[in-house]
Protein backbone atom coordinates (compact mmCIF):
# COMPACT_ATOMS: atom_id res chain seq x y z
CA MET A 1 -7.43 1.56 23.54
CA LYS A 2 -11.23 1.68 23.70
CA GLN A 3 -13.83 -0.15 25.70
CA ILE A 4 -15.96 -1.69 22.91
CA SER A 5 -19.32 -3.32 23.25
CA ILE A 6 -20.92 -5.56 20.57
CA VAL A 7 -24.68 -5.88 20.37
CA GLY A 8 -26.44 -7.88 17.73
CA VAL A 9 -29.88 -6.92 16.34
CA PRO A 10 -30.81 -9.85 14.11
CA MET A 11 -33.84 -8.21 12.47
CA ASP A 12 -35.06 -8.65 8.93
CA LEU A 13 -38.56 -7.20 9.49
CA GLY A 14 -37.81 -3.89 7.74
CA GLN A 15 -37.45 -5.28 4.29
CA GLY A 16 -38.89 -8.00 2.14
CA ARG A 17 -35.81 -10.23 1.48
CA ARG A 18 -34.98 -12.81 4.20
CA GLY A 19 -31.45 -13.47 5.49
CA VAL A 20 -30.12 -10.30 7.06
CA ASP A 21 -31.19 -11.58 10.45
CA MET A 22 -28.14 -13.86 10.21
CA GLY A 23 -25.81 -10.88 9.63
CA PRO A 24 -24.69 -10.62 13.28
CA SER A 25 -23.69 -14.30 13.39
CA ALA A 26 -21.83 -13.93 10.09
CA MET A 27 -19.76 -11.03 11.39
CA ARG A 28 -19.10 -12.83 14.64
CA TYR A 29 -18.02 -15.80 12.63
CA GLY A 30 -15.75 -13.37 10.81
CA ARG A 31 -13.94 -12.96 14.16
CA LEU A 32 -15.01 -9.39 14.88
CA GLN A 33 -14.29 -9.59 18.63
CA GLU A 34 -10.94 -11.30 18.16
CA VAL A 35 -9.82 -8.85 15.43
CA LEU A 36 -10.68 -5.76 17.54
CA GLY A 37 -9.19 -7.32 20.66
CA GLY A 38 -6.04 -7.89 18.68
CA LEU A 39 -5.78 -4.12 18.17
CA GLY A 40 -5.55 -3.70 21.93
CA HIS A 41 -9.19 -2.83 22.63
CA ARG A 42 -11.18 -4.37 25.43
CA VAL A 43 -14.17 -5.94 23.71
CA HIS A 44 -17.29 -7.34 25.35
CA ASP A 45 -20.08 -9.04 23.36
CA TYR A 46 -23.46 -8.44 24.99
CA GLY A 47 -25.24 -10.95 22.73
CA ASP A 48 -28.35 -10.26 20.70
CA ILE A 49 -31.46 -8.22 21.16
CA LYS A 50 -34.50 -10.59 21.00
CA VAL A 51 -36.26 -10.22 17.66
CA PRO A 52 -39.43 -12.09 16.72
CA VAL A 53 -39.32 -14.31 13.62
CA ALA A 54 -41.35 -12.88 10.70
CA GLU A 55 -43.42 -16.04 10.34
CA SER A 56 -44.63 -15.73 13.93
CA LEU A 57 -45.97 -12.25 13.19
CA ARG A 58 -47.76 -12.79 9.89
CA LEU A 59 -50.90 -14.20 11.53
CA GLN A 60 -51.05 -11.04 13.61
CA GLN A 61 -50.81 -8.67 10.64
CA GLU A 62 -53.44 -7.78 8.02
CA GLU A 63 -50.68 -6.64 5.68
CA PRO A 64 -47.55 -8.84 5.71
CA GLY A 65 -44.13 -7.21 5.14
CA GLY A 66 -42.98 -3.59 5.22
CA MET A 67 -45.06 -1.36 7.41
CA GLY A 68 -47.03 -4.38 8.60
CA TYR A 69 -44.18 -5.08 11.03
CA LEU A 70 -44.06 -1.51 12.46
CA GLU A 71 -44.93 -2.47 16.01
CA ALA A 72 -42.36 -5.28 16.17
CA ILE A 73 -39.70 -3.07 14.75
CA ARG A 74 -40.60 -0.36 17.25
CA THR A 75 -40.30 -2.84 20.15
CA VAL A 76 -36.83 -4.08 18.96
CA CYS A 77 -35.58 -0.53 18.55
CA LEU A 78 -36.80 0.44 22.02
CA GLU A 79 -34.93 -2.50 23.52
CA THR A 80 -31.84 -1.45 21.58
CA ILE A 81 -32.11 2.06 22.98
CA GLN A 82 -32.41 0.72 26.51
CA THR A 83 -29.55 -1.77 26.13
CA LEU A 84 -27.16 0.95 24.87
CA GLY A 85 -28.34 3.40 27.47
CA GLN A 86 -27.36 1.01 30.27
CA MET A 87 -23.74 0.85 29.13
CA PRO A 88 -20.98 3.03 30.54
CA ALA A 89 -20.92 6.48 28.93
CA ASP A 90 -17.39 5.99 27.57
CA MET A 91 -18.19 2.70 25.88
CA PHE A 92 -17.81 2.55 22.04
CA PRO A 93 -20.88 0.49 20.90
CA ILE A 94 -20.88 -1.53 17.75
CA VAL A 95 -24.40 -2.64 16.70
CA LEU A 96 -24.67 -5.49 14.23
CA GLY A 97 -27.61 -5.77 11.92
CA GLY A 98 -29.93 -6.87 10.69
CA ASP A 99 -31.53 -4.48 8.27
CA HIS A 100 -30.94 -0.75 8.51
CA SER A 101 -34.17 -0.07 10.41
CA ILE A 102 -32.19 -0.95 13.51
CA ALA A 103 -30.49 2.43 13.27
CA MET A 104 -33.52 4.08 14.77
CA GLY A 105 -32.55 2.27 17.95
CA SER A 106 -28.79 2.34 17.67
CA VAL A 107 -28.43 6.05 16.86
CA THR A 108 -30.90 7.07 19.55
CA GLY A 109 -29.28 4.83 22.16
CA ALA A 110 -25.71 5.76 21.32
CA SER A 111 -26.51 9.49 21.38
CA ARG A 112 -27.68 9.28 25.02
CA GLY A 113 -29.93 12.27 24.44
CA GLU A 114 -27.05 14.52 23.28
CA ARG A 115 -26.67 16.17 19.96
CA VAL A 116 -25.24 13.57 17.57
CA GLY A 117 -23.69 13.78 14.15
CA VAL A 118 -24.49 10.95 11.77
CA ILE A 119 -22.29 9.64 8.94
CA TRP A 120 -24.57 7.42 6.83
CA VAL A 121 -22.35 5.35 4.51
CA ASP A 122 -24.75 3.67 2.15
CA ALA A 123 -25.81 3.22 -1.48
CA HIS A 124 -29.23 4.53 -0.38
CA ALA A 125 -30.32 7.50 1.66
CA ASP A 126 -33.00 5.66 3.65
CA PHE A 127 -34.77 8.99 3.78
CA ASN A 128 -38.25 7.86 2.69
CA THR A 129 -41.38 8.28 4.77
CA PRO A 130 -44.48 6.04 4.56
CA GLU A 131 -45.95 8.61 2.14
CA THR A 132 -42.92 8.64 -0.23
CA SER A 133 -41.77 5.07 -0.07
CA PRO A 134 -42.40 2.98 -3.22
CA SER A 135 -42.17 -0.31 -1.27
CA GLY A 136 -43.41 0.47 2.25
CA ASN A 137 -40.25 -1.24 3.65
CA ILE A 138 -39.08 0.42 6.83
CA HIS A 139 -35.40 -0.23 6.16
CA GLY A 140 -35.70 2.57 3.61
CA MET A 141 -37.03 4.99 6.17
CA PRO A 142 -34.84 5.03 9.37
CA LEU A 143 -32.90 8.20 8.67
CA ALA A 144 -36.01 10.17 7.87
CA HIS A 145 -37.60 9.05 11.15
CA LEU A 146 -34.46 9.92 13.10
CA CYS A 147 -34.75 13.40 11.61
CA GLY A 148 -38.36 13.70 12.74
CA LEU A 149 -40.19 12.80 9.51
CA GLY A 150 -42.69 9.96 9.10
CA ASP A 151 -44.84 7.81 11.42
CA PRO A 152 -45.08 9.30 14.93
CA ARG A 153 -44.67 5.82 16.45
CA LEU A 154 -41.17 5.63 14.99
CA VAL A 155 -40.30 9.35 15.22
CA ASN A 156 -41.03 9.36 18.96
CA LEU A 157 -38.95 6.25 19.85
CA GLY A 158 -37.28 6.64 23.22
CA HIS A 159 -38.41 10.24 23.69
CA PRO A 160 -40.60 12.62 21.67
CA GLY A 161 -39.33 14.29 18.59
CA ALA A 162 -36.41 14.14 16.19
CA LYS A 163 -33.26 12.45 17.44
CA VAL A 164 -30.95 13.98 14.79
CA ARG A 165 -30.86 17.41 13.17
CA PRO A 166 -30.82 17.06 9.37
CA GLU A 167 -27.98 19.53 9.16
CA ASP A 168 -25.98 17.10 11.35
CA VAL A 169 -26.17 14.29 8.75
CA VAL A 170 -23.66 13.48 5.97
CA LEU A 171 -24.53 10.77 3.43
CA VAL A 172 -21.55 9.11 1.74
CA GLY A 173 -21.52 6.79 -1.25
CA ILE A 174 -25.08 7.43 -2.38
CA ARG A 175 -26.03 6.21 -5.86
CA SER A 176 -29.72 5.18 -5.65
CA LEU A 177 -32.39 7.67 -4.58
CA ASP A 178 -36.17 7.79 -4.89
CA ALA A 179 -37.78 10.95 -6.10
CA GLY A 180 -39.51 11.61 -2.79
CA GLU A 181 -36.17 11.26 -0.95
CA VAL A 182 -34.46 13.79 -3.20
CA LYS A 183 -37.12 16.35 -2.41
CA LEU A 184 -36.99 15.75 1.31
CA LEU A 185 -33.16 15.75 1.40
CA ARG A 186 -33.00 19.11 -0.44
CA GLU A 187 -35.72 20.67 1.71
CA ARG A 188 -34.04 19.56 5.02
CA GLY A 189 -30.52 20.58 4.04
CA VAL A 190 -28.88 17.13 4.43
CA THR A 191 -25.29 16.89 3.07
CA VAL A 192 -25.30 14.34 0.30
CA LEU A 193 -21.91 13.11 -1.04
CA THR A 194 -22.80 10.84 -3.97
CA MET A 195 -20.48 8.47 -5.84
CA LYS A 196 -20.02 11.30 -8.31
CA GLU A 197 -18.46 13.43 -5.61
CA ILE A 198 -16.29 10.54 -4.64
CA ASP A 199 -15.15 10.00 -8.21
CA VAL A 200 -14.46 13.69 -8.81
CA LYS A 201 -12.91 14.67 -5.45
CA GLY A 202 -11.51 11.40 -4.15
CA ILE A 203 -11.84 9.81 -0.74
CA PRO A 204 -9.32 12.12 1.05
CA ALA A 205 -11.40 15.21 0.23
CA ILE A 206 -14.59 13.44 1.18
CA ALA A 207 -13.17 12.32 4.52
CA GLN A 208 -11.97 15.84 5.11
CA ILE A 209 -15.45 17.26 4.53
CA VAL A 210 -16.89 14.81 7.05
CA ALA A 211 -14.14 15.46 9.62
CA ASP A 212 -14.50 19.22 9.33
CA LYS A 213 -18.28 19.05 9.76
CA PHE A 214 -18.16 16.98 12.97
CA ARG A 215 -15.04 18.30 14.64
CA GLY A 216 -16.12 19.38 18.13
CA PHE A 217 -19.09 17.02 18.32
CA ALA A 218 -19.07 14.91 21.48
CA ARG A 219 -20.91 12.07 19.72
CA VAL A 220 -20.67 10.96 16.09
CA HIS A 221 -22.36 7.79 14.86
CA LEU A 222 -21.20 5.95 11.71
CA SER A 223 -23.89 3.78 10.13
CA LEU A 224 -22.15 1.53 7.56
CA ASP A 225 -24.43 -0.37 5.16
CA ALA A 226 -22.71 -3.21 3.30
CA ASP A 227 -24.36 -2.20 0.05
CA VAL A 228 -22.23 0.96 -0.13
CA LEU A 229 -19.54 -1.48 -1.34
CA ASP A 230 -19.41 -2.51 -4.99
CA PRO A 231 -21.29 -5.81 -5.34
CA GLU A 232 -18.18 -7.31 -6.99
CA ILE A 233 -16.49 -7.29 -3.56
CA ALA A 234 -19.54 -7.47 -1.36
CA PRO A 235 -22.12 -9.74 -2.96
CA GLY A 236 -23.97 -10.58 0.32
CA VAL A 237 -26.51 -7.76 0.32
CA GLY A 238 -30.24 -7.64 -0.46
CA THR A 239 -30.29 -4.38 -2.40
CA PRO A 240 -27.04 -4.34 -4.52
CA VAL A 241 -26.25 -1.26 -6.65
CA ALA A 242 -23.47 -1.32 -9.16
CA GLY A 243 -20.66 1.18 -9.01
CA GLY A 244 -20.00 1.25 -5.28
CA LEU A 245 -16.90 1.82 -3.22
CA THR A 246 -13.85 -0.27 -4.09
CA TYR A 247 -11.92 -2.22 -1.49
CA ARG A 248 -9.26 0.45 -1.06
CA GLU A 249 -11.74 3.38 -1.20
CA ALA A 250 -13.74 1.85 1.64
CA HIS A 251 -10.67 1.12 3.76
CA LEU A 252 -9.17 4.58 3.10
CA LEU A 253 -12.37 6.24 4.22
CA MET A 254 -12.30 4.26 7.49
CA GLU A 255 -8.57 4.87 7.94
CA LEU A 256 -9.00 8.68 7.53
CA LEU A 257 -12.00 8.74 9.86
CA ALA A 258 -9.83 6.86 12.38
CA ASP A 259 -7.20 9.54 12.01
CA ALA A 260 -9.78 12.21 12.59
CA ARG A 261 -10.85 10.55 15.86
CA ILE A 262 -14.51 11.74 15.59
CA VAL A 263 -16.48 8.49 15.52
CA THR A 264 -17.98 7.33 18.85
CA SER A 265 -20.31 4.58 17.79
CA LEU A 266 -20.86 2.26 14.82
CA ASP A 267 -23.49 0.23 12.92
CA LEU A 268 -22.61 -2.65 10.64
CA VAL A 269 -25.76 -3.58 8.76
CA GLU A 270 -27.42 -5.29 5.82
CA VAL A 271 -25.11 -8.30 5.55
CA ASN A 272 -27.09 -11.18 4.02
CA PRO A 273 -25.16 -14.46 4.32
CA ILE A 274 -27.68 -16.27 2.15
CA LEU A 275 -26.59 -14.19 -0.79
CA ASP A 276 -22.96 -14.12 0.11
CA ILE A 277 -19.96 -16.08 -1.14
CA ALA A 278 -17.85 -17.77 1.54
CA ASN A 279 -18.81 -15.08 4.12
CA ARG A 280 -16.92 -12.52 1.99
CA THR A 281 -19.14 -9.57 2.80
CA ALA A 282 -19.20 -10.18 6.56
CA LYS A 283 -15.38 -10.50 6.59
CA MET A 284 -15.19 -7.19 4.66
CA MET A 285 -17.30 -5.47 7.24
CA VAL A 286 -15.04 -6.77 10.06
CA GLU A 287 -12.01 -5.51 8.18
CA LEU A 288 -13.61 -2.05 7.76
CA ALA A 289 -14.46 -1.93 11.42
CA SER A 290 -10.85 -2.74 12.30
CA SER A 291 -9.62 0.07 10.01
CA LEU A 292 -11.94 2.51 11.67
CA LEU A 293 -10.69 1.39 15.08
CA GLY A 294 -7.04 1.78 14.44
CA LYS A 295 -5.58 -0.99 12.28
CA LYS A 296 -2.75 0.33 10.08
CA ILE A 297 -0.89 -0.97 7.17
CA TYR A 298 2.39 0.07 8.78
């Protein structure tokens, strides 16, 4: 049994497609608290971090969208860090996005200043900097900033410097990278497990690589982006990429990570109900969270 906290960060300022701000509500509507409580965990929902509406910021910005919202994103991430930092040290926080830029707050807050391993389960690496990004959208940059690369205002969130060592990151399910990201990932020594590795080795071998890497870590954060899933089973995402994880591959990965007992905090991000069908993607994310937190077939 775990003490689990749920915090929503309904932010869509890090990307150009509206709708992911409703992701936390969609996953709550998918009965996240009830499902996890049914597994025997004690679950408390702390509500949502306050996030300004994009329309209220446009008049304050010379350049709408993307990096134009940097200060607002920074403020939301700082509040996320503070909210998680005020929770008991043994709490298992689940942060509901929102776009993936929220991870700059969730990873930093959940780490509590300690060394943290990061499992980034995503179709994209989110390892761009303002200099390498083709779009300027911050949701494609959070992992780079956590590793100390990019705009100092985001790198130094919470406390100065990198929050994560690049060698303490494993990317899983990757199948869409920008040229600048490839260069940075190779230079920094990040472990990248693409869909090719998953196809060739299978999920059990991938899960074993992750478990072996982080065994002994006091804190390991799993950041789960809905677009790692194949769009056929998870249509409610803003940046779909064909050829993603199947239903069983995704559940098996979560089940094996649950067996390894290494994960201490979790993001569920990039669910866009506007693009979804009957809340299918949000429900899938709830199911994956339940597999990670102990639900078994038998």
